[in-house]
Amino acid sequence: MKAIFFVTAICLNCFLPNKVIAVQQVEMLKRDGEKNEIPLLNNRFRIDSNIDKITLLFFRKPGSAAVVLVRPDGRKYSVSDAARNRDIEWYDELSYDIVTINNPMPGPWQAIGRILPNSRIVALGDIELKIDELPPLLFQGETVKVTGRILNDGEAIDANFFNDVVSLNLNFVSTNNDAFANFGAGREEVAVFQDNGYGLDERPRDGVFTGELKLTFSAGEWIPELYIKTPLLQRQVVQNPIIVHNPPLSYDIKLSDEKSNDHLLTITIDSSIVKPETAIIQGRIYYPNNEEQMFTIDAIASDSRQLSIKNYKWGRYSVELSIFGTNVNDREFMATPPTYKFEVDRPSIPASEVAPAKIITPDEVTTGKPVKERMPTSTIISLIVGCNMLILLLGWLLIRIFVQKKPVKFNVRLSFLKKKKASEDDVTDSGKNQVGKNGSKNDRTGEILNLSMTDD
């Protein structure tokens, strides 16, 4: 199978008689062989001499280098030429290149690069948007599916890769009408249209862009603006102003009393917007004690629906709900109105249960029991310091005895005891050195005894 590539060309019509001729100015030349071995020879296209400006779109393998364009005279254009050549505007992305050339040279051009083999040439003439008209009756909280197509001379573009570089967006712009609540609200980005098969989009890459319109902003008069945007191309469609109504629900809460143990929430449906017999309501109740409860209210002919809410005493209650039904224009809808909240105040203590304050007379003050005096601050500080010192001492003793295995010794030196002990030692020493009656010297040092007799 022959490999072909994708080129998108936008031609200026100022020198052309009509749009049909503009579309035919870019064509693909025949390939030279079955295999795409030489991109220089295979990826070819021709530009007519009447084209004043052309925009080319090349899809290549993700991460590959940007393509290189070869003019008919052999001169090459690359992405770096866009910085110094005013006639070239180049947008280089991860998987594609968009190149705009002013006054391109007529003749056969070549593209060098890892261009995807399943692409093909498409010439774009008059680009326009075809968007489904928004429903005439919309209200806050509603979710609406809107589809749009990008047309080329009135026909859908049958090119899967083209959707990767095009984004379709929808904005709501306030009309600044002081008669509505959205006066001065500015611009709201409502939806981004996708063609990827996710969300409300039915099939991927089928040329149909699908948007999920969530009316979560304030009610009022708005102007829808839809536009497509690419790095080098923009188109915009402005529709007639529409009015977004308030949610078609109103609430009335009856708090629990002695006759009823539950709170009773009455939900009233606005029959001028919604057919009550088609409305189904479901949601979730959030209680003050963080408990949750699911509920469903089936469709009935009455405008009012009642919802019992358990009484968990005082606190804040929240009710989130969704409504499904048909409006008065026979259009089915689904909506999520703002969360309804109510609060039960903390019960007050009855006056009969409050003990009366005792009045103390002056006589009772003088004759009553004496009031205990408060301990002085200095005493409290002294007690705290003393307790801390005692705790530190006990801790040191425990560590020394049980951890370090050392005895506790108190080395106290008293000066008067030392003097007394020294005098006793002197007396003892003098007694030992006295000579006996026999004239001998009591000496244990081993000296020779004097045994001579006296003259008497």
Protein backbone atom coordinates (compact mmCIF):
# COMPACT_ATOMS: atom_id res chain seq x y z
CA MET A 1 0.00 0.00 0.00
CA LYS A 2 1.40 3.37 -0.94
CA ALA A 3 2.31 5.73 1.89
CA ILE A 4 0.78 9.17 1.67
CA PHE A 5 0.84 12.20 3.95
CA PHE A 6 -1.43 14.96 5.20
CA VAL A 7 -1.14 18.59 4.08
CA THR A 8 -3.63 21.28 5.03
CA ALA A 9 -3.58 24.35 2.80
CA ILE A 10 -5.45 27.59 3.43
CA CYS A 11 -5.41 29.84 0.39
CA LEU A 12 -6.17 33.52 0.22
CA ASN A 13 -9.03 34.23 -2.15
CA CYS A 14 -8.13 37.78 -3.02
CA PHE A 15 -6.64 36.75 -6.39
CA LEU A 16 -9.04 33.87 -7.12
CA PRO A 17 -12.44 34.02 -8.85
CA ASN A 18 -14.20 31.69 -6.43
CA LYS A 19 -13.65 29.28 -3.56
CA VAL A 20 -13.76 26.17 -5.74
CA ILE A 21 -10.68 27.23 -7.65
CA ALA A 22 -8.91 27.97 -4.37
CA VAL A 23 -9.44 24.43 -3.19
CA GLN A 24 -7.94 23.01 -6.40
CA GLN A 25 -4.67 24.93 -6.17
CA VAL A 26 -2.88 22.28 -4.08
CA GLU A 27 -2.66 18.74 -5.38
CA MET A 28 -0.61 15.66 -4.65
CA LEU A 29 1.77 14.33 -7.28
CA LYS A 30 1.96 10.66 -8.13
CA ARG A 31 4.49 8.61 -6.23
CA ASP A 32 7.47 7.04 -7.88
CA GLY A 33 7.32 3.58 -6.31
CA GLU A 34 5.48 1.20 -4.07
CA LYS A 35 7.84 1.64 -1.09
CA ASN A 36 8.46 4.86 0.81
CA GLU A 37 12.25 4.45 0.72
CA ILE A 38 13.21 7.95 -0.41
CA PRO A 39 11.01 10.59 1.28
CA LEU A 40 12.62 13.26 -0.87
CA LEU A 41 11.03 11.72 -3.96
CA ASN A 42 7.76 10.46 -2.52
CA ASN A 43 6.36 13.22 -0.30
CA ARG A 44 5.50 15.72 -3.03
CA PHE A 45 2.85 18.34 -3.59
CA ARG A 46 2.34 21.15 -6.11
CA ILE A 47 1.56 24.80 -5.45
CA ASP A 48 -0.14 26.86 -8.16
CA SER A 49 1.16 30.24 -9.27
CA ASN A 50 -1.98 32.10 -8.14
CA ILE A 51 -1.54 31.33 -4.44
CA ASP A 52 -0.49 34.30 -2.36
CA LYS A 53 -0.24 32.51 1.01
CA ILE A 54 -0.35 28.86 2.00
CA THR A 55 -0.47 27.00 5.28
CA LEU A 56 0.80 23.40 5.39
CA LEU A 57 0.11 20.87 8.13
CA PHE A 58 2.34 17.78 8.39
CA PHE A 59 1.78 14.91 10.81
CA ARG A 60 4.87 12.92 11.75
CA LYS A 61 5.88 10.28 14.23
CA PRO A 62 5.79 11.62 17.81
CA GLY A 63 9.22 12.81 18.97
CA SER A 64 10.75 12.91 15.51
CA ALA A 65 12.51 15.97 14.08
CA ALA A 66 10.59 18.68 12.28
CA VAL A 67 10.12 18.25 8.55
CA VAL A 68 12.26 19.99 5.93
CA LEU A 69 10.60 21.59 2.91
CA VAL A 70 12.36 21.67 -0.47
CA ARG A 71 11.35 24.34 -2.96
CA PRO A 72 11.17 23.66 -6.70
CA ASP A 73 14.58 25.32 -7.15
CA GLY A 74 16.20 23.06 -4.53
CA ARG A 75 16.36 25.56 -1.66
CA LYS A 76 15.39 24.08 1.69
CA TYR A 77 13.21 25.52 4.47
CA SER A 78 13.57 24.28 8.06
CA VAL A 79 12.13 25.34 11.40
CA SER A 80 15.18 27.50 12.10
CA ASP A 81 14.44 29.66 9.02
CA ALA A 82 11.30 31.06 10.64
CA ALA A 83 13.40 33.22 12.99
CA ARG A 84 15.17 35.11 10.19
CA ASN A 85 12.74 34.83 7.25
CA ARG A 86 9.64 37.04 7.52
CA ASP A 87 7.85 35.06 4.82
CA ILE A 88 7.83 31.88 6.93
CA GLU A 89 5.89 31.14 10.08
CA TRP A 90 6.60 27.73 11.60
CA TYR A 91 4.88 26.02 14.53
CA ASP A 92 6.75 22.90 15.65
CA GLU A 93 4.90 20.48 17.97
CA LEU A 94 5.67 17.00 19.27
CA SER A 95 3.84 15.18 16.47
CA TYR A 96 3.08 17.75 13.77
CA ASP A 97 4.31 20.89 12.00
CA ILE A 98 2.25 23.85 10.82
CA VAL A 99 4.04 26.02 8.27
CA THR A 100 2.74 29.25 6.71
CA ILE A 101 4.59 30.59 3.66
CA ASN A 102 3.96 33.99 2.05
CA ASN A 103 4.33 34.15 -1.75
CA PRO A 104 5.40 30.49 -2.13
CA MET A 105 7.33 29.50 -5.27
CA PRO A 106 5.01 27.78 -7.78
CA GLY A 107 5.82 24.24 -8.76
CA PRO A 108 6.50 20.85 -7.15
CA TRP A 109 7.53 20.89 -3.50
CA GLN A 110 8.93 18.08 -1.41
CA ALA A 111 8.72 17.31 2.32
CA ILE A 112 11.48 15.41 4.10
CA GLY A 113 10.75 13.82 7.46
CA ARG A 114 9.18 10.87 9.27
CA ILE A 115 5.71 11.71 8.03
CA LEU A 116 2.99 9.29 9.07
CA PRO A 117 2.22 6.81 6.28
CA ASN A 118 -1.58 6.80 6.78
CA SER A 119 -2.00 10.55 6.28
CA ARG A 120 -3.29 12.25 3.15
CA ILE A 121 -3.51 15.65 1.52
CA VAL A 122 -6.48 17.88 2.25
CA ALA A 123 -6.90 21.37 0.84
CA LEU A 124 -8.86 23.74 3.04
CA GLY A 125 -10.84 26.53 1.47
CA ASP A 126 -13.50 28.38 3.47
CA ILE A 127 -13.29 27.10 7.06
CA GLU A 128 -16.47 27.44 9.08
CA LEU A 129 -18.16 26.08 12.17
CA LYS A 130 -21.51 24.35 12.22
CA ILE A 131 -22.81 24.24 15.79
CA ASP A 132 -26.13 22.90 16.99
CA GLU A 133 -28.40 25.66 18.17
CA LEU A 134 -28.59 25.83 21.93
CA PRO A 135 -31.99 24.98 23.42
CA PRO A 136 -34.21 28.03 23.89
CA LEU A 137 -35.08 27.07 27.47
CA LEU A 138 -32.17 26.54 29.85
CA PHE A 139 -31.91 26.82 33.62
CA GLN A 140 -29.15 26.89 36.21
CA GLY A 141 -27.68 23.51 37.12
CA GLU A 142 -28.63 21.86 33.84
CA THR A 143 -26.21 19.74 31.77
CA VAL A 144 -26.68 19.96 27.98
CA LYS A 145 -25.02 18.01 25.18
CA VAL A 146 -23.95 20.21 22.24
CA THR A 147 -22.23 19.01 19.06
CA GLY A 148 -20.34 20.86 16.36
CA ARG A 149 -18.51 20.21 13.09
CA ILE A 150 -15.67 21.93 11.27
CA LEU A 151 -16.61 22.34 7.63
CA ASN A 152 -14.47 22.88 4.56
CA ASP A 153 -16.50 24.62 1.86
CA GLY A 154 -19.66 23.24 3.42
CA GLU A 155 -18.40 19.67 3.81
CA ALA A 156 -17.02 17.91 6.88
CA ILE A 157 -13.26 17.35 6.99
CA ASP A 158 -12.64 13.64 6.69
CA ALA A 159 -9.22 13.57 8.36
CA ASN A 160 -8.71 11.97 11.73
CA PHE A 161 -5.44 13.69 12.57
CA PHE A 162 -6.87 17.13 11.97
CA ASN A 163 -8.86 16.85 15.21
CA ASP A 164 -5.62 16.58 17.21
CA VAL A 165 -4.61 20.16 16.43
CA VAL A 166 -8.03 21.78 16.66
CA SER A 167 -9.87 22.72 19.84
CA LEU A 168 -13.50 23.80 19.86
CA ASN A 169 -14.60 25.92 22.83
CA LEU A 170 -17.78 27.55 24.05
CA ASN A 171 -17.90 30.71 26.17
CA PHE A 172 -20.85 32.61 27.60
CA VAL A 173 -20.51 36.39 27.68
CA SER A 174 -22.79 38.47 29.87
CA THR A 175 -24.95 41.04 28.09
CA ASN A 176 -24.54 43.35 31.09
CA ASN A 177 -28.26 43.82 31.29
CA ASP A 178 -29.03 45.25 34.72
CA ALA A 179 -32.43 43.55 34.66
CA PHE A 180 -30.75 40.16 35.23
CA ALA A 181 -28.68 38.72 38.05
CA ASN A 182 -25.58 38.22 35.84
CA PHE A 183 -25.06 41.95 35.32
CA GLY A 184 -21.30 42.55 35.13
CA ALA A 185 -20.49 38.83 35.30
CA GLY A 186 -18.06 39.04 32.35
CA ARG A 187 -17.11 35.83 30.53
CA GLU A 188 -17.65 32.22 31.55
CA GLU A 189 -15.80 29.30 29.93
CA VAL A 190 -18.61 26.78 29.66
CA ALA A 191 -17.38 23.79 27.66
CA VAL A 192 -14.49 22.36 25.61
CA PHE A 193 -15.60 20.19 22.69
CA GLN A 194 -13.82 16.89 22.12
CA ASP A 195 -13.77 14.22 19.45
CA ASN A 196 -12.10 11.47 21.50
CA GLY A 197 -14.98 9.17 22.42
CA TYR A 198 -15.00 10.21 26.11
CA GLY A 199 -17.74 11.86 28.12
CA LEU A 200 -20.77 12.63 25.99
CA ASP A 201 -18.87 12.12 22.71
CA GLU A 202 -20.28 9.05 20.97
CA ARG A 203 -17.49 7.97 18.61
CA PRO A 204 -13.84 9.06 18.49
CA ARG A 205 -12.39 10.75 15.41
CA ASP A 206 -15.68 10.87 13.50
CA GLY A 207 -15.46 14.60 12.80
CA VAL A 208 -18.19 15.42 15.34
CA PHE A 209 -17.02 17.50 18.29
CA THR A 210 -19.12 17.07 21.44
CA GLY A 211 -19.34 19.49 24.31
CA GLU A 212 -20.77 18.95 27.79
CA LEU A 213 -22.44 22.23 28.70
CA LYS A 214 -22.73 22.60 32.49
CA LEU A 215 -24.70 25.65 33.57
CA THR A 216 -23.12 26.06 36.99
CA PHE A 217 -22.85 29.85 36.78
CA SER A 218 -25.45 32.44 37.72
CA ALA A 219 -28.74 32.80 35.87
CA GLY A 220 -29.33 35.69 33.49
CA GLU A 221 -28.91 36.78 29.87
CA TRP A 222 -25.83 35.45 28.05
CA ILE A 223 -24.34 35.52 24.54
CA PRO A 224 -22.89 32.15 23.38
CA GLU A 225 -19.52 32.41 21.61
CA LEU A 226 -18.07 29.32 19.96
CA TYR A 227 -14.64 29.27 18.39
CA ILE A 228 -12.03 26.89 17.03
CA LYS A 229 -8.39 27.58 17.63
CA THR A 230 -5.17 26.21 16.19
CA PRO A 231 -1.66 27.68 16.44
CA LEU A 232 -2.21 29.51 13.13
CA LEU A 233 -5.97 29.48 12.60
CA GLN A 234 -9.01 30.84 14.47
CA ARG A 235 -12.70 30.88 13.66
CA GLN A 236 -15.53 32.21 15.81
CA VAL A 237 -19.31 31.89 15.81
CA VAL A 238 -21.55 34.18 17.89
CA GLN A 239 -25.13 33.09 18.48
CA ASN A 240 -28.16 35.05 19.60
CA PRO A 241 -28.50 35.88 23.30
CA ILE A 242 -30.20 33.30 25.49
CA ILE A 243 -31.65 33.45 28.99
CA VAL A 244 -30.56 31.00 31.66
CA HIS A 245 -33.39 30.69 34.18
CA ASN A 246 -33.18 29.98 37.88
CA PRO A 247 -33.49 26.34 39.00
CA PRO A 248 -37.12 25.12 38.67
CA LEU A 249 -37.19 24.04 42.33
CA SER A 250 -38.12 25.82 45.54
CA TYR A 251 -37.80 24.56 49.11
CA ASP A 252 -39.72 24.89 52.36
CA ILE A 253 -38.42 23.28 55.55
CA LYS A 254 -40.56 22.45 58.60
CA LEU A 255 -38.40 21.65 61.60
CA SER A 256 -39.22 18.88 64.04
CA ASP A 257 -41.56 19.62 66.93
CA GLU A 258 -43.24 17.69 69.75
CA LYS A 259 -45.69 16.02 67.33
CA SER A 260 -43.12 14.99 64.74
CA ASN A 261 -39.68 13.45 65.22
CA ASP A 262 -38.42 14.25 61.68
CA HIS A 263 -37.81 17.43 59.75
CA LEU A 264 -40.02 17.76 56.67
CA LEU A 265 -38.62 19.29 53.45
CA THR A 266 -41.17 20.27 50.80
CA ILE A 267 -39.80 20.51 47.23
CA THR A 268 -41.98 22.45 44.78
CA ILE A 269 -41.43 22.12 41.01
CA ASP A 270 -41.95 25.12 38.74
CA SER A 271 -44.56 23.86 36.28
CA SER A 272 -43.86 26.75 33.90
CA ILE A 273 -40.46 25.20 33.11
CA VAL A 274 -40.73 21.49 33.96
CA LYS A 275 -43.55 19.00 33.57
CA PRO A 276 -44.03 17.77 37.16
CA GLU A 277 -45.37 14.35 36.17
CA THR A 278 -42.04 13.55 34.45
CA ALA A 279 -39.67 14.74 37.18
CA ILE A 280 -37.69 12.16 39.16
CA ILE A 281 -35.58 13.42 42.04
CA GLN A 282 -32.73 11.60 43.71
CA GLY A 283 -29.94 12.74 45.98
CA ARG A 284 -28.14 12.48 49.28
CA ILE A 285 -28.69 13.93 52.77
CA TYR A 286 -25.72 14.94 54.94
CA TYR A 287 -26.45 15.05 58.68
CA PRO A 288 -24.65 17.04 61.40
CA ASN A 289 -23.04 13.86 62.78
CA ASN A 290 -21.43 13.17 59.35
CA GLU A 291 -23.90 10.43 58.44
CA GLU A 292 -25.22 10.20 54.85
CA GLN A 293 -28.51 8.95 53.44
CA MET A 294 -29.50 8.28 49.82
CA PHE A 295 -33.06 8.99 48.69
CA THR A 296 -35.23 8.81 45.54
CA ILE A 297 -38.55 10.52 44.88
CA ASP A 298 -40.55 9.02 42.04
CA ALA A 299 -42.49 11.05 39.48
CA ILE A 300 -46.00 12.05 40.48
CA ALA A 301 -48.57 14.43 39.03
CA SER A 302 -48.31 16.86 41.93
CA ASP A 303 -46.05 19.89 41.91
CA SER A 304 -44.89 19.27 45.49
CA ARG A 305 -42.74 16.47 46.88
CA GLN A 306 -41.98 15.85 50.53
CA LEU A 307 -38.76 14.48 51.98
CA SER A 308 -38.43 13.32 55.60
CA ILE A 309 -35.12 14.12 57.23
CA LYS A 310 -34.15 12.48 60.51
CA ASN A 311 -33.78 14.77 63.47
CA TYR A 312 -30.21 14.63 64.76
CA LYS A 313 -30.76 17.53 67.15
CA TRP A 314 -28.94 20.77 66.45
CA GLY A 315 -26.44 21.32 63.63
CA ARG A 316 -26.23 21.90 59.87
CA TYR A 317 -28.04 19.72 57.32
CA SER A 318 -27.25 19.58 53.56
CA VAL A 319 -29.38 18.11 50.77
CA GLU A 320 -27.77 17.43 47.37
CA LEU A 321 -30.20 16.39 44.66
CA SER A 322 -30.47 15.80 40.93
CA ILE A 323 -33.60 16.06 38.84
CA PHE A 324 -34.42 14.19 35.62
CA GLY A 325 -37.47 14.99 33.51
CA THR A 326 -38.93 16.82 30.54
CA ASN A 327 -39.35 20.56 30.21
CA VAL A 328 -42.38 22.33 28.75
CA ASN A 329 -40.71 22.24 25.28
CA ASP A 330 -40.69 18.40 25.40
CA ARG A 331 -36.90 18.30 25.76
CA GLU A 332 -35.54 15.79 28.23
CA PHE A 333 -33.02 17.17 30.66
CA MET A 334 -30.84 16.36 33.64
CA ALA A 335 -29.84 18.96 36.18
CA THR A 336 -28.02 19.34 39.50
CA PRO A 337 -29.40 22.39 41.33
CA PRO A 338 -27.33 24.09 44.04
CA THR A 339 -27.15 22.28 47.37
CA TYR A 340 -29.91 23.16 49.83
CA LYS A 341 -28.76 23.76 53.41
CA PHE A 342 -30.55 24.52 56.66
CA GLU A 343 -29.42 24.73 60.26
CA VAL A 344 -31.00 23.84 63.60
CA ASP A 345 -29.92 26.07 66.46
CA ARG A 346 -28.51 24.72 69.67
CA PRO A 347 -31.35 24.32 72.23
CA SER A 348 -31.36 26.83 75.07
CA ILE A 349 -31.69 25.76 78.75
CA PRO A 350 -35.16 26.51 80.21
CA ALA A 351 -35.23 29.16 82.90
CA SER A 352 -36.90 26.75 85.35
CA GLU A 353 -33.90 24.41 85.18
CA VAL A 354 -31.38 27.12 85.88
CA ALA A 355 -30.42 27.28 89.61
CA PRO A 356 -30.95 30.75 91.07
CA ALA A 357 -27.85 32.64 92.06
CA LYS A 358 -27.29 32.81 95.85
CA ILE A 359 -27.11 36.31 97.25
CA ILE A 360 -24.63 36.75 100.10
CA THR A 361 -25.55 39.39 102.64
CA PRO A 362 -22.96 41.49 104.45
CA ASP A 363 -23.76 39.65 107.72
CA GLU A 364 -23.01 36.30 106.08
CA VAL A 365 -19.75 37.66 104.80
CA THR A 366 -18.61 38.72 108.33
CA THR A 367 -19.97 35.69 110.22
CA GLY A 368 -19.37 33.07 107.58
CA LYS A 369 -16.45 30.76 107.25
CA PRO A 370 -13.21 32.51 106.49
CA VAL A 371 -12.11 32.36 102.93
CA LYS A 372 -8.88 30.50 102.43
CA GLU A 373 -6.11 32.82 101.54
CA ARG A 374 -4.24 32.15 98.36
CA MET A 375 -0.67 31.02 98.67
CA PRO A 376 1.82 33.74 97.75
CA THR A 377 3.50 33.47 94.40
CA SER A 378 7.00 33.36 95.95
CA THR A 379 6.02 30.34 98.05
CA ILE A 380 4.68 28.52 94.99
CA ILE A 381 7.90 29.19 93.09
CA SER A 382 10.01 27.97 96.04
CA LEU A 383 8.00 24.74 96.24
CA ILE A 384 8.41 24.13 92.53
CA VAL A 385 12.18 24.70 92.65
CA GLY A 386 12.57 22.49 95.74
CA CYS A 387 10.60 19.64 94.21
CA ASN A 388 12.67 19.82 91.04
CA MET A 389 15.94 19.72 93.04
CA LEU A 390 14.69 16.72 95.02
CA ILE A 391 13.77 14.89 91.82
CA LEU A 392 17.23 15.56 90.35
CA LEU A 393 18.94 14.32 93.53
CA LEU A 394 16.94 11.12 93.65
CA GLY A 395 17.67 10.53 89.98
CA TRP A 396 21.41 10.97 90.55
CA LEU A 397 21.37 8.50 93.48
CA LEU A 398 19.53 5.89 91.44
CA ILE A 399 21.94 6.21 88.52
CA ARG A 400 25.00 5.98 90.79
CA ILE A 401 23.77 2.95 92.76
CA PHE A 402 21.99 0.87 90.13
CA VAL A 403 23.66 1.94 86.88
CA GLN A 404 27.23 2.89 87.78
CA LYS A 405 27.41 0.36 90.74
CA LYS A 406 29.30 2.83 92.94
CA PRO A 407 28.83 3.38 96.67
CA VAL A 408 27.59 6.63 97.99
CA LYS A 409 30.31 8.48 99.92
CA PHE A 410 30.01 11.78 101.69
CA ASN A 411 33.46 13.34 102.22
CA VAL A 412 32.78 16.08 104.78
CA ARG A 413 35.76 17.82 106.33
CA LEU A 414 35.21 19.61 109.65
CA SER A 415 38.07 21.84 110.87
CA PHE A 416 37.43 21.51 114.65
CA LEU A 417 37.33 17.67 114.46
CA LYS A 418 40.58 17.69 112.55
CA LYS A 419 42.33 19.78 115.25
CA LYS A 420 41.06 17.57 118.10
CA LYS A 421 42.23 14.41 116.39
CA ALA A 422 45.64 15.93 115.77
CA SER A 423 46.14 16.82 119.53
CA GLU A 424 45.23 13.28 120.64
CA ASP A 425 47.74 11.85 118.20
CA ASP A 426 50.48 14.13 119.66
CA VAL A 427 49.76 12.96 123.23
CA THR A 428 49.98 9.33 122.23
CA ASP A 429 53.26 9.83 120.44
CA SER A 430 54.80 11.61 123.46
CA GLY A 431 53.80 8.77 125.79
CA LYS A 432 55.40 6.23 123.58
CA ASN A 433 58.69 8.11 123.57
CA GLN A 434 59.01 8.40 127.43
CA VAL A 435 61.80 6.55 129.22
CA GLY A 436 60.70 3.96 131.81
CA LYS A 437 61.64 3.79 135.43
CA ASN A 438 64.40 1.41 134.70
CA GLY A 439 65.98 4.03 132.48
CA SER A 440 65.23 2.08 129.27
CA LYS A 441 63.82 3.63 126.27
CA ASN A 442 60.62 2.08 124.95
CA ASP A 443 61.44 2.20 121.33
CA ARG A 444 60.19 -0.27 118.79
CA THR A 445 62.45 0.93 116.08
CA GLY A 446 65.08 -1.72 116.90
CA GLU A 447 67.61 0.64 118.53
CA ILE A 448 70.00 -0.66 121.28
CA LEU A 449 68.63 -0.33 124.81
CA ASN A 450 70.56 1.57 127.42
CA LEU A 451 71.09 -1.00 130.23
CA SER A 452 73.67 0.90 132.27
CA MET A 453 73.06 1.19 136.02
CA THR A 454 72.69 4.51 137.73
CA ASP A 455 75.05 5.64 140.43
CA ASP A 456 72.35 5.19 143.03
